[in-house]
Amino acid sequence: MGWLWAIIVGFALGLIAKAIIPGKQHIPLWLTTILGMLGAIGGNAVARAAGVDATSGIDWWRHVFQLVAAVALVAIGDRSYLAYKGRQRRA
């Protein structure tokens, strides 16, 4: 059941990240979900390192770190995807 929650959270984080980033993103939905999942994992690691991974109530800082990581990964992933698609068309 943990993998299902990872997909759901990754999907939600990826969509929120795409909404935050200005302009149109060209990455497909499956890649958005994967990058959102990686953002959640990276955000959890940063929260754990900062000592805010387990607080009483809602872990707001952990969620902020997850979202920032997802935004960064979706932005980088979009540029990489466009560069890859551009090279593929020229070949």
PDB file of N, CA and C in Angstrom:
ATOM      1  N   MET A   1       0.820  -1.194   0.000  1.00  0.00           N
ATOM      2  CA  MET A   1       0.000   0.000   0.000  1.00  0.00           C
ATOM      3  C   MET A   1       0.863   1.258   0.000  1.00  0.00           C
ATOM      4  N   GLY A   2       2.103   1.151   0.481  1.00  0.00           N
ATOM      5  CA  GLY A   2       2.990   2.302   0.512  1.00  0.00           C
ATOM      6  C   GLY A   2       3.312   2.841  -0.877  1.00  0.00           C
ATOM      7  N   TRP A   3       3.440   1.947  -1.849  1.00  0.00           N
ATOM      8  CA  TRP A   3       3.753   2.384  -3.214  1.00  0.00           C
ATOM      9  C   TRP A   3       2.594   3.164  -3.807  1.00  0.00           C
ATOM     10  N   LEU A   4       1.350   2.799  -3.433  1.00  0.00           N
ATOM     11  CA  LEU A   4       0.196   3.524  -3.935  1.00  0.00           C
ATOM     12  C   LEU A   4       0.173   4.956  -3.408  1.00  0.00           C
ATOM     13  N   TRP A   5       0.474   5.119  -2.126  1.00  0.00           N
ATOM     14  CA  TRP A   5       0.537   6.469  -1.553  1.00  0.00           C
ATOM     15  C   TRP A   5       1.672   7.272  -2.168  1.00  0.00           C
ATOM     16  N   ALA A   6       2.788   6.611  -2.464  1.00  0.00           N
ATOM     17  CA  ALA A   6       3.904   7.314  -3.109  1.00  0.00           C
ATOM     18  C   ALA A   6       3.490   7.843  -4.476  1.00  0.00           C
ATOM     19  N   ILE A   7       2.729   7.051  -5.221  1.00  0.00           N
ATOM     20  CA  ILE A   7       2.269   7.495  -6.535  1.00  0.00           C
ATOM     21  C   ILE A   7       1.277   8.644  -6.400  1.00  0.00           C
ATOM     22  N   ILE A   8       0.354   8.536  -5.452  1.00  0.00           N
ATOM     23  CA  ILE A   8      -0.650   9.589  -5.262  1.00  0.00           C
ATOM     24  C   ILE A   8       0.004  10.897  -4.830  1.00  0.00           C
ATOM     25  N   VAL A   9       0.902  10.814  -3.860  1.00  0.00           N
ATOM     26  CA  VAL A   9       1.584  12.024  -3.384  1.00  0.00           C
ATOM     27  C   VAL A   9       2.469  12.596  -4.485  1.00  0.00           C
ATOM     28  N   GLY A  10       3.175  11.741  -5.217  1.00  0.00           N
ATOM     29  CA  GLY A  10       4.014  12.208  -6.322  1.00  0.00           C
ATOM     30  C   GLY A  10       3.198  12.885  -7.406  1.00  0.00           C
ATOM     31  N   PHE A  11       2.036  12.323  -7.705  1.00  0.00           N
ATOM     32  CA  PHE A  11       1.144  12.914  -8.696  1.00  0.00           C
ATOM     33  C   PHE A  11       0.687  14.294  -8.242  1.00  0.00           C
ATOM     34  N   ALA A  12       0.243  14.396  -6.983  1.00  0.00           N
ATOM     35  CA  ALA A  12      -0.238  15.679  -6.458  1.00  0.00           C
ATOM     36  C   ALA A  12       0.889  16.710  -6.403  1.00  0.00           C
ATOM     37  N   LEU A  13       2.058  16.322  -5.909  1.00  0.00           N
ATOM     38  CA  LEU A  13       3.187  17.258  -5.841  1.00  0.00           C
ATOM     39  C   LEU A  13       3.622  17.703  -7.233  1.00  0.00           C
ATOM     40  N   GLY A  14       3.642  16.780  -8.178  1.00  0.00           N
ATOM     41  CA  GLY A  14       4.027  17.131  -9.545  1.00  0.00           C
ATOM     42  C   GLY A  14       3.063  18.127 -10.165  1.00  0.00           C
ATOM     43  N   LEU A  15       1.765  17.917  -9.966  1.00  0.00           N
ATOM     44  CA  LEU A  15       0.779  18.851 -10.518  1.00  0.00           C
ATOM     45  C   LEU A  15       0.866  20.226  -9.859  1.00  0.00           C
ATOM     46  N   ILE A  16       1.065  20.251  -8.542  1.00  0.00           N
ATOM     47  CA  ILE A  16       1.212  21.534  -7.847  1.00  0.00           C
ATOM     48  C   ILE A  16       2.473  22.243  -8.336  1.00  0.00           C
ATOM     49  N   ALA A  17       3.549  21.476  -8.516  1.00  0.00           N
ATOM     50  CA  ALA A  17       4.802  22.070  -9.012  1.00  0.00           C
ATOM     51  C   ALA A  17       4.606  22.656 -10.406  1.00  0.00           C
ATOM     52  N   LYS A  18       3.880  21.937 -11.277  1.00  0.00           N
ATOM     53  CA  LYS A  18       3.623  22.454 -12.628  1.00  0.00           C
ATOM     54  C   LYS A  18       2.786  23.725 -12.576  1.00  0.00           C
ATOM     55  N   ALA A  19       1.890  23.819 -11.597  1.00  0.00           N
ATOM     56  CA  ALA A  19       1.058  25.013 -11.461  1.00  0.00           C
ATOM     57  C   ALA A  19       1.867  26.202 -10.955  1.00  0.00           C
ATOM     58  N   ILE A  20       2.881  25.940 -10.145  1.00  0.00           N
ATOM     59  CA  ILE A  20       3.703  27.023  -9.581  1.00  0.00           C
ATOM     60  C   ILE A  20       4.679  27.572 -10.617  1.00  0.00           C
ATOM     61  N   ILE A  21       5.242  26.698 -11.426  1.00  0.00           N
ATOM     62  CA  ILE A  21       6.240  27.115 -12.410  1.00  0.00           C
ATOM     63  C   ILE A  21       5.557  27.944 -13.497  1.00  0.00           C
ATOM     64  N   PRO A  22       6.076  29.143 -13.781  1.00  0.00           N
ATOM     65  CA  PRO A  22       5.436  29.965 -14.819  1.00  0.00           C
ATOM     66  C   PRO A  22       5.658  29.378 -16.213  1.00  0.00           C
ATOM     67  N   GLY A  23       4.704  29.617 -17.078  1.00  0.00           N
ATOM     68  CA  GLY A  23       4.806  29.137 -18.448  1.00  0.00           C
ATOM     69  C   GLY A  23       4.259  27.731 -18.602  1.00  0.00           C
ATOM     70  N   LYS A  24       4.381  27.217 -19.813  1.00  0.00           N
ATOM     71  CA  LYS A  24       3.877  25.884 -20.115  1.00  0.00           C
ATOM     72  C   LYS A  24       5.000  24.870 -19.965  1.00  0.00           C
ATOM     73  N   GLN A  25       4.688  23.784 -19.284  1.00  0.00           N
ATOM     74  CA  GLN A  25       5.641  22.687 -19.178  1.00  0.00           C
ATOM     75  C   GLN A  25       5.276  21.632 -20.220  1.00  0.00           C
ATOM     76  N   HIS A  26       6.270  20.999 -20.758  1.00  0.00           N
ATOM     77  CA  HIS A  26       6.063  20.078 -21.870  1.00  0.00           C
ATOM     78  C   HIS A  26       6.262  18.619 -21.484  1.00  0.00           C
ATOM     79  N   ILE A  27       6.524  18.339 -20.225  1.00  0.00           N
ATOM     80  CA  ILE A  27       6.769  16.958 -19.828  1.00  0.00           C
ATOM     81  C   ILE A  27       5.445  16.212 -19.704  1.00  0.00           C
ATOM     82  N   PRO A  28       5.459  14.916 -20.018  1.00  0.00           N
ATOM     83  CA  PRO A  28       4.225  14.136 -19.911  1.00  0.00           C
ATOM     84  C   PRO A  28       3.838  13.891 -18.448  1.00  0.00           C
ATOM     85  N   LEU A  29       2.608  13.465 -18.244  1.00  0.00           N
ATOM     86  CA  LEU A  29       2.071  13.276 -16.899  1.00  0.00           C
ATOM     87  C   LEU A  29       2.822  12.197 -16.134  1.00  0.00           C
ATOM     88  N   TRP A  30       3.256  11.149 -16.802  1.00  0.00           N
ATOM     89  CA  TRP A  30       3.976  10.091 -16.101  1.00  0.00           C
ATOM     90  C   TRP A  30       5.310  10.603 -15.570  1.00  0.00           C
ATOM     91  N   LEU A  31       5.973  11.477 -16.323  1.00  0.00           N
ATOM     92  CA  LEU A  31       7.243  12.029 -15.865  1.00  0.00           C
ATOM     93  C   LEU A  31       7.022  13.040 -14.741  1.00  0.00           C
ATOM     94  N   THR A  32       5.929  13.787 -14.808  1.00  0.00           N
ATOM     95  CA  THR A  32       5.566  14.706 -13.732  1.00  0.00           C
ATOM     96  C   THR A  32       5.366  13.942 -12.434  1.00  0.00           C
ATOM     97  N   THR A  33       4.694  12.799 -12.508  1.00  0.00           N
ATOM     98  CA  THR A  33       4.445  11.977 -11.325  1.00  0.00           C
ATOM     99  C   THR A  33       5.744  11.432 -10.747  1.00  0.00           C
ATOM    100  N   ILE A  34       6.624  10.942 -11.604  1.00  0.00           N
ATOM    101  CA  ILE A  34       7.903  10.405 -11.134  1.00  0.00           C
ATOM    102  C   ILE A  34       8.745  11.504 -10.477  1.00  0.00           C
ATOM    103  N   LEU A  35       8.789  12.676 -11.100  1.00  0.00           N
ATOM    104  CA  LEU A  35       9.560  13.779 -10.524  1.00  0.00           C
ATOM    105  C   LEU A  35       8.939  14.259  -9.217  1.00  0.00           C
ATOM    106  N   GLY A  36       7.618  14.224  -9.119  1.00  0.00           N
ATOM    107  CA  GLY A  36       6.954  14.555  -7.866  1.00  0.00           C
ATOM    108  C   GLY A  36       7.300  13.558  -6.776  1.00  0.00           C
ATOM    109  N   MET A  37       7.366  12.272  -7.130  1.00  0.00           N
ATOM    110  CA  MET A  37       7.755  11.240  -6.154  1.00  0.00           C
ATOM    111  C   MET A  37       9.194  11.460  -5.691  1.00  0.00           C
ATOM    112  N   LEU A  38      10.076  11.776  -6.626  1.00  0.00           N
ATOM    113  CA  LEU A  38      11.470  12.045  -6.258  1.00  0.00           C
ATOM    114  C   LEU A  38      11.576  13.305  -5.403  1.00  0.00           C
ATOM    115  N   GLY A  39      10.738  14.296  -5.687  1.00  0.00           N
ATOM    116  CA  GLY A  39      10.708  15.504  -4.857  1.00  0.00           C
ATOM    117  C   GLY A  39      10.261  15.206  -3.442  1.00  0.00           C
ATOM    118  N   ALA A  40       9.292  14.305  -3.293  1.00  0.00           N
ATOM    119  CA  ALA A  40       8.840  13.915  -1.963  1.00  0.00           C
ATOM    120  C   ALA A  40       9.945  13.208  -1.191  1.00  0.00           C
ATOM    121  N   ILE A  41      10.666  12.334  -1.867  1.00  0.00           N
ATOM    122  CA  ILE A  41      11.769  11.619  -1.223  1.00  0.00           C
ATOM    123  C   ILE A  41      12.876  12.596  -0.833  1.00  0.00           C
ATOM    124  N   GLY A  42      13.234  13.492  -1.761  1.00  0.00           N
ATOM    125  CA  GLY A  42      14.276  14.482  -1.467  1.00  0.00           C
ATOM    126  C   GLY A  42      13.860  15.439  -0.365  1.00  0.00           C
ATOM    127  N   GLY A  43      12.597  15.874  -0.381  1.00  0.00           N
ATOM    128  CA  GLY A  43      12.103  16.762   0.670  1.00  0.00           C
ATOM    129  C   GLY A  43      12.103  16.099   2.026  1.00  0.00           C
ATOM    130  N   ASN A  44      11.763  14.813   2.064  1.00  0.00           N
ATOM    131  CA  ASN A  44      11.817  14.080   3.325  1.00  0.00           C
ATOM    132  C   ASN A  44      13.243  14.002   3.855  1.00  0.00           C
ATOM    133  N   ALA A  45      14.202  13.785   2.958  1.00  0.00           N
ATOM    134  CA  ALA A  45      15.601  13.708   3.376  1.00  0.00           C
ATOM    135  C   ALA A  45      16.084  15.043   3.941  1.00  0.00           C
ATOM    136  N   VAL A  46      15.707  16.137   3.280  1.00  0.00           N
ATOM    137  CA  VAL A  46      16.098  17.468   3.773  1.00  0.00           C
ATOM    138  C   VAL A  46      15.434  17.750   5.118  1.00  0.00           C
ATOM    139  N   ALA A  47      14.162  17.390   5.259  1.00  0.00           N
ATOM    140  CA  ALA A  47      13.456  17.602   6.524  1.00  0.00           C
ATOM    141  C   ALA A  47      14.092  16.784   7.640  1.00  0.00           C
ATOM    142  N   ARG A  48      14.486  15.558   7.330  1.00  0.00           N
ATOM    143  CA  ARG A  48      15.144  14.714   8.326  1.00  0.00           C
ATOM    144  C   ARG A  48      16.483  15.322   8.736  1.00  0.00           C
ATOM    145  N   ALA A  49      17.227  15.833   7.761  1.00  0.00           N
ATOM    146  CA  ALA A  49      18.521  16.453   8.067  1.00  0.00           C
ATOM    147  C   ALA A  49      18.355  17.734   8.878  1.00  0.00           C
ATOM    148  N   ALA A  50      17.254  18.453   8.632  1.00  0.00           N
ATOM    149  CA  ALA A  50      16.995  19.697   9.368  1.00  0.00           C
ATOM    150  C   ALA A  50      16.364  19.437  10.728  1.00  0.00           C
ATOM    151  N   GLY A  51      15.965  18.190  10.976  1.00  0.00           N
ATOM    152  CA  GLY A  51      15.385  17.838  12.258  1.00  0.00           C
ATOM    153  C   GLY A  51      13.917  18.192  12.398  1.00  0.00           C
ATOM    154  N   VAL A  52      13.207  18.355  11.298  1.00  0.00           N
ATOM    155  CA  VAL A  52      11.787  18.711  11.355  1.00  0.00           C
ATOM    156  C   VAL A  52      10.925  17.654  10.671  1.00  0.00           C
ATOM    157  N   ASP A  53      11.412  16.416  10.618  1.00  0.00           N
ATOM    158  CA  ASP A  53      10.655  15.380   9.918  1.00  0.00           C
ATOM    159  C   ASP A  53       9.498  14.837  10.741  1.00  0.00           C
ATOM    160  N   ALA A  54       9.564  14.937  12.049  1.00  0.00           N
ATOM    161  CA  ALA A  54       8.482  14.420  12.898  1.00  0.00           C
ATOM    162  C   ALA A  54       8.131  15.469  13.950  1.00  0.00           C
ATOM    163  N   THR A  55       7.073  16.197  13.698  1.00  0.00           N
ATOM    164  CA  THR A  55       6.611  17.199  14.644  1.00  0.00           C
ATOM    165  C   THR A  55       5.210  16.824  15.107  1.00  0.00           C
ATOM    166  N   SER A  56       4.740  17.452  16.147  1.00  0.00           N
ATOM    167  CA  SER A  56       3.373  17.186  16.581  1.00  0.00           C
ATOM    168  C   SER A  56       2.412  17.893  15.632  1.00  0.00           C
ATOM    169  N   GLY A  57       1.384  17.186  15.220  1.00  0.00           N
ATOM    170  CA  GLY A  57       0.436  17.773  14.272  1.00  0.00           C
ATOM    171  C   GLY A  57       0.887  17.562  12.844  1.00  0.00           C
ATOM    172  N   ILE A  58       0.560  18.504  11.984  1.00  0.00           N
ATOM    173  CA  ILE A  58       0.907  18.411  10.564  1.00  0.00           C
ATOM    174  C   ILE A  58       2.345  18.871  10.373  1.00  0.00           C
ATOM    175  N   ASP A  59       3.089  18.113   9.611  1.00  0.00           N
ATOM    176  CA  ASP A  59       4.505  18.430   9.356  1.00  0.00           C
ATOM    177  C   ASP A  59       4.610  19.442   8.221  1.00  0.00           C
ATOM    178  N   TRP A  60       4.314  20.690   8.496  1.00  0.00           N
ATOM    179  CA  TRP A  60       4.295  21.722   7.450  1.00  0.00           C
ATOM    180  C   TRP A  60       5.655  21.906   6.806  1.00  0.00           C
ATOM    181  N   TRP A  61       6.715  21.919   7.615  1.00  0.00           N
ATOM    182  CA  TRP A  61       8.041  22.135   7.049  1.00  0.00           C
ATOM    183  C   TRP A  61       8.435  21.006   6.112  1.00  0.00           C
ATOM    184  N   ARG A  62       8.075  19.790   6.477  1.00  0.00           N
ATOM    185  CA  ARG A  62       8.378  18.650   5.612  1.00  0.00           C
ATOM    186  C   ARG A  62       7.666  18.809   4.270  1.00  0.00           C
ATOM    187  N   HIS A  63       6.420  19.237   4.307  1.00  0.00           N
ATOM    188  CA  HIS A  63       5.668  19.430   3.069  1.00  0.00           C
ATOM    189  C   HIS A  63       6.241  20.579   2.230  1.00  0.00           C
ATOM    190  N   VAL A  64       6.703  21.615   2.885  1.00  0.00           N
ATOM    191  CA  VAL A  64       7.333  22.729   2.162  1.00  0.00           C
ATOM    192  C   VAL A  64       8.606  22.246   1.472  1.00  0.00           C
ATOM    193  N   PHE A  65       9.425  21.468   2.187  1.00  0.00           N
ATOM    194  CA  PHE A  65      10.645  20.936   1.578  1.00  0.00           C
ATOM    195  C   PHE A  65      10.317  20.013   0.407  1.00  0.00           C
ATOM    196  N   GLN A  66       9.277  19.190   0.533  1.00  0.00           N
ATOM    197  CA  GLN A  66       8.877  18.307  -0.551  1.00  0.00           C
ATOM    198  C   GLN A  66       8.440  19.111  -1.770  1.00  0.00           C
ATOM    199  N   LEU A  67       7.667  20.152  -1.538  1.00  0.00           N
ATOM    200  CA  LEU A  67       7.173  20.961  -2.653  1.00  0.00           C
ATOM    201  C   LEU A  67       8.300  21.711  -3.351  1.00  0.00           C
ATOM    202  N   VAL A  68       9.220  22.271  -2.587  1.00  0.00           N
ATOM    203  CA  VAL A  68      10.361  22.981  -3.183  1.00  0.00           C
ATOM    204  C   VAL A  68      11.201  22.016  -4.020  1.00  0.00           C
ATOM    205  N   ALA A  69      11.428  20.820  -3.499  1.00  0.00           N
ATOM    206  CA  ALA A  69      12.198  19.830  -4.255  1.00  0.00           C
ATOM    207  C   ALA A  69      11.456  19.419  -5.521  1.00  0.00           C
ATOM    208  N   ALA A  70      10.142  19.247  -5.430  1.00  0.00           N
ATOM    209  CA  ALA A  70       9.355  18.868  -6.610  1.00  0.00           C
ATOM    210  C   ALA A  70       9.366  19.973  -7.653  1.00  0.00           C
ATOM    211  N   VAL A  71       9.252  21.227  -7.224  1.00  0.00           N
ATOM    212  CA  VAL A  71       9.291  22.345  -8.173  1.00  0.00           C
ATOM    213  C   VAL A  71      10.634  22.367  -8.892  1.00  0.00           C
ATOM    214  N   ALA A  72      11.716  22.207  -8.143  1.00  0.00           N
ATOM    215  CA  ALA A  72      13.047  22.211  -8.759  1.00  0.00           C
ATOM    216  C   ALA A  72      13.201  21.054  -9.739  1.00  0.00           C
ATOM    217  N   LEU A  73      12.757  19.866  -9.356  1.00  0.00           N
ATOM    218  CA  LEU A  73      12.907  18.709 -10.237  1.00  0.00           C
ATOM    219  C   LEU A  73      12.025  18.798 -11.481  1.00  0.00           C
ATOM    220  N   VAL A  74      10.811  19.299 -11.333  1.00  0.00           N
ATOM    221  CA  VAL A  74       9.939  19.448 -12.511  1.00  0.00           C
ATOM    222  C   VAL A  74      10.507  20.497 -13.462  1.00  0.00           C
ATOM    223  N   ALA A  75      11.044  21.583 -12.921  1.00  0.00           N
ATOM    224  CA  ALA A  75      11.641  22.614 -13.784  1.00  0.00           C
ATOM    225  C   ALA A  75      12.853  22.062 -14.528  1.00  0.00           C
ATOM    226  N   ILE A  76      13.719  21.361 -13.819  1.00  0.00           N
ATOM    227  CA  ILE A  76      14.898  20.766 -14.455  1.00  0.00           C
ATOM    228  C   ILE A  76      14.483  19.675 -15.433  1.00  0.00           C
ATOM    229  N   GLY A  77      13.508  18.859 -15.030  1.00  0.00           N
ATOM    230  CA  GLY A  77      13.024  17.782 -15.894  1.00  0.00           C
ATOM    231  C   GLY A  77      12.399  18.306 -17.170  1.00  0.00           C
ATOM    232  N   ASP A  78      11.679  19.429 -17.078  1.00  0.00           N
ATOM    233  CA  ASP A  78      11.059  20.006 -18.268  1.00  0.00           C
ATOM    234  C   ASP A  78      12.119  20.478 -19.257  1.00  0.00           C
ATOM    235  N   ARG A  79      13.123  21.167 -18.753  1.00  0.00           N
ATOM    236  CA  ARG A  79      14.193  21.636 -19.650  1.00  0.00           C
ATOM    237  C   ARG A  79      14.953  20.464 -20.262  1.00  0.00           C
ATOM    238  N   SER A  80      15.222  19.443 -19.455  1.00  0.00           N
ATOM    239  CA  SER A  80      15.925  18.269 -19.968  1.00  0.00           C
ATOM    240  C   SER A  80      15.091  17.538 -21.006  1.00  0.00           C
ATOM    241  N   TYR A  81      13.801  17.429 -20.760  1.00  0.00           N
ATOM    242  CA  TYR A  81      12.901  16.753 -21.696  1.00  0.00           C
ATOM    243  C   TYR A  81      12.850  17.507 -23.026  1.00  0.00           C
ATOM    244  N   LEU A  82      12.761  18.840 -22.954  1.00  0.00           N
ATOM    245  CA  LEU A  82      12.744  19.628 -24.184  1.00  0.00           C
ATOM    246  C   LEU A  82      14.055  19.493 -24.951  1.00  0.00           C
ATOM    247  N   ALA A  83      15.169  19.493 -24.244  1.00  0.00           N
ATOM    248  CA  ALA A  83      16.466  19.339 -24.906  1.00  0.00           C
ATOM    249  C   ALA A  83      16.572  17.962 -25.550  1.00  0.00           C
ATOM    250  N   TYR A  84      16.086  16.943 -24.867  1.00  0.00           N
ATOM    251  CA  TYR A  84      16.119  15.586 -25.418  1.00  0.00           C
ATOM    252  C   TYR A  84      15.231  15.474 -26.650  1.00  0.00           C
ATOM    253  N   LYS A  85      14.040  16.025 -26.577  1.00  0.00           N
ATOM    254  CA  LYS A  85      13.125  15.971 -27.717  1.00  0.00           C
ATOM    255  C   LYS A  85      13.678  16.768 -28.899  1.00  0.00           C
ATOM    256  N   GLY A  86      14.332  17.891 -28.630  1.00  0.00           N
ATOM    257  CA  GLY A  86      14.926  18.692 -29.695  1.00  0.00           C
ATOM    258  C   GLY A  86      16.043  17.959 -30.400  1.00  0.00           C
ATOM    259  N   ARG A  87      16.884  17.254 -29.661  1.00  0.00           N
ATOM    260  CA  ARG A  87      17.959  16.474 -30.256  1.00  0.00           C
ATOM    261  C   ARG A  87      17.408  15.302 -31.048  1.00  0.00           C
ATOM    262  N   GLN A  88      16.317  14.727 -30.546  1.00  0.00           N
ATOM    263  CA  GLN A  88      15.737  13.578 -31.215  1.00  0.00           C
ATOM    264  C   GLN A  88      15.139  13.973 -32.569  1.00  0.00           C
ATOM    265  N   ARG A  89      14.571  15.155 -32.672  1.00  0.00           N
ATOM    266  CA  ARG A  89      13.986  15.612 -33.937  1.00  0.00           C
ATOM    267  C   ARG A  89      15.046  15.924 -34.977  1.00  0.00           C
ATOM    268  N   ARG A  90      16.194  16.440 -34.553  1.00  0.00           N
ATOM    269  CA  ARG A  90      17.254  16.803 -35.485  1.00  0.00           C
ATOM    270  C   ARG A  90      17.944  15.584 -36.066  1.00  0.00           C
ATOM    271  N   ALA A  91      17.963  14.500 -35.341  1.00  0.00           N
ATOM    272  CA  ALA A  91      18.705  13.303 -35.787  1.00  0.00           C
ATOM    273  C   ALA A  91      18.001  12.547 -36.883  1.00  0.00           C
TER     274      ALA A  91
END
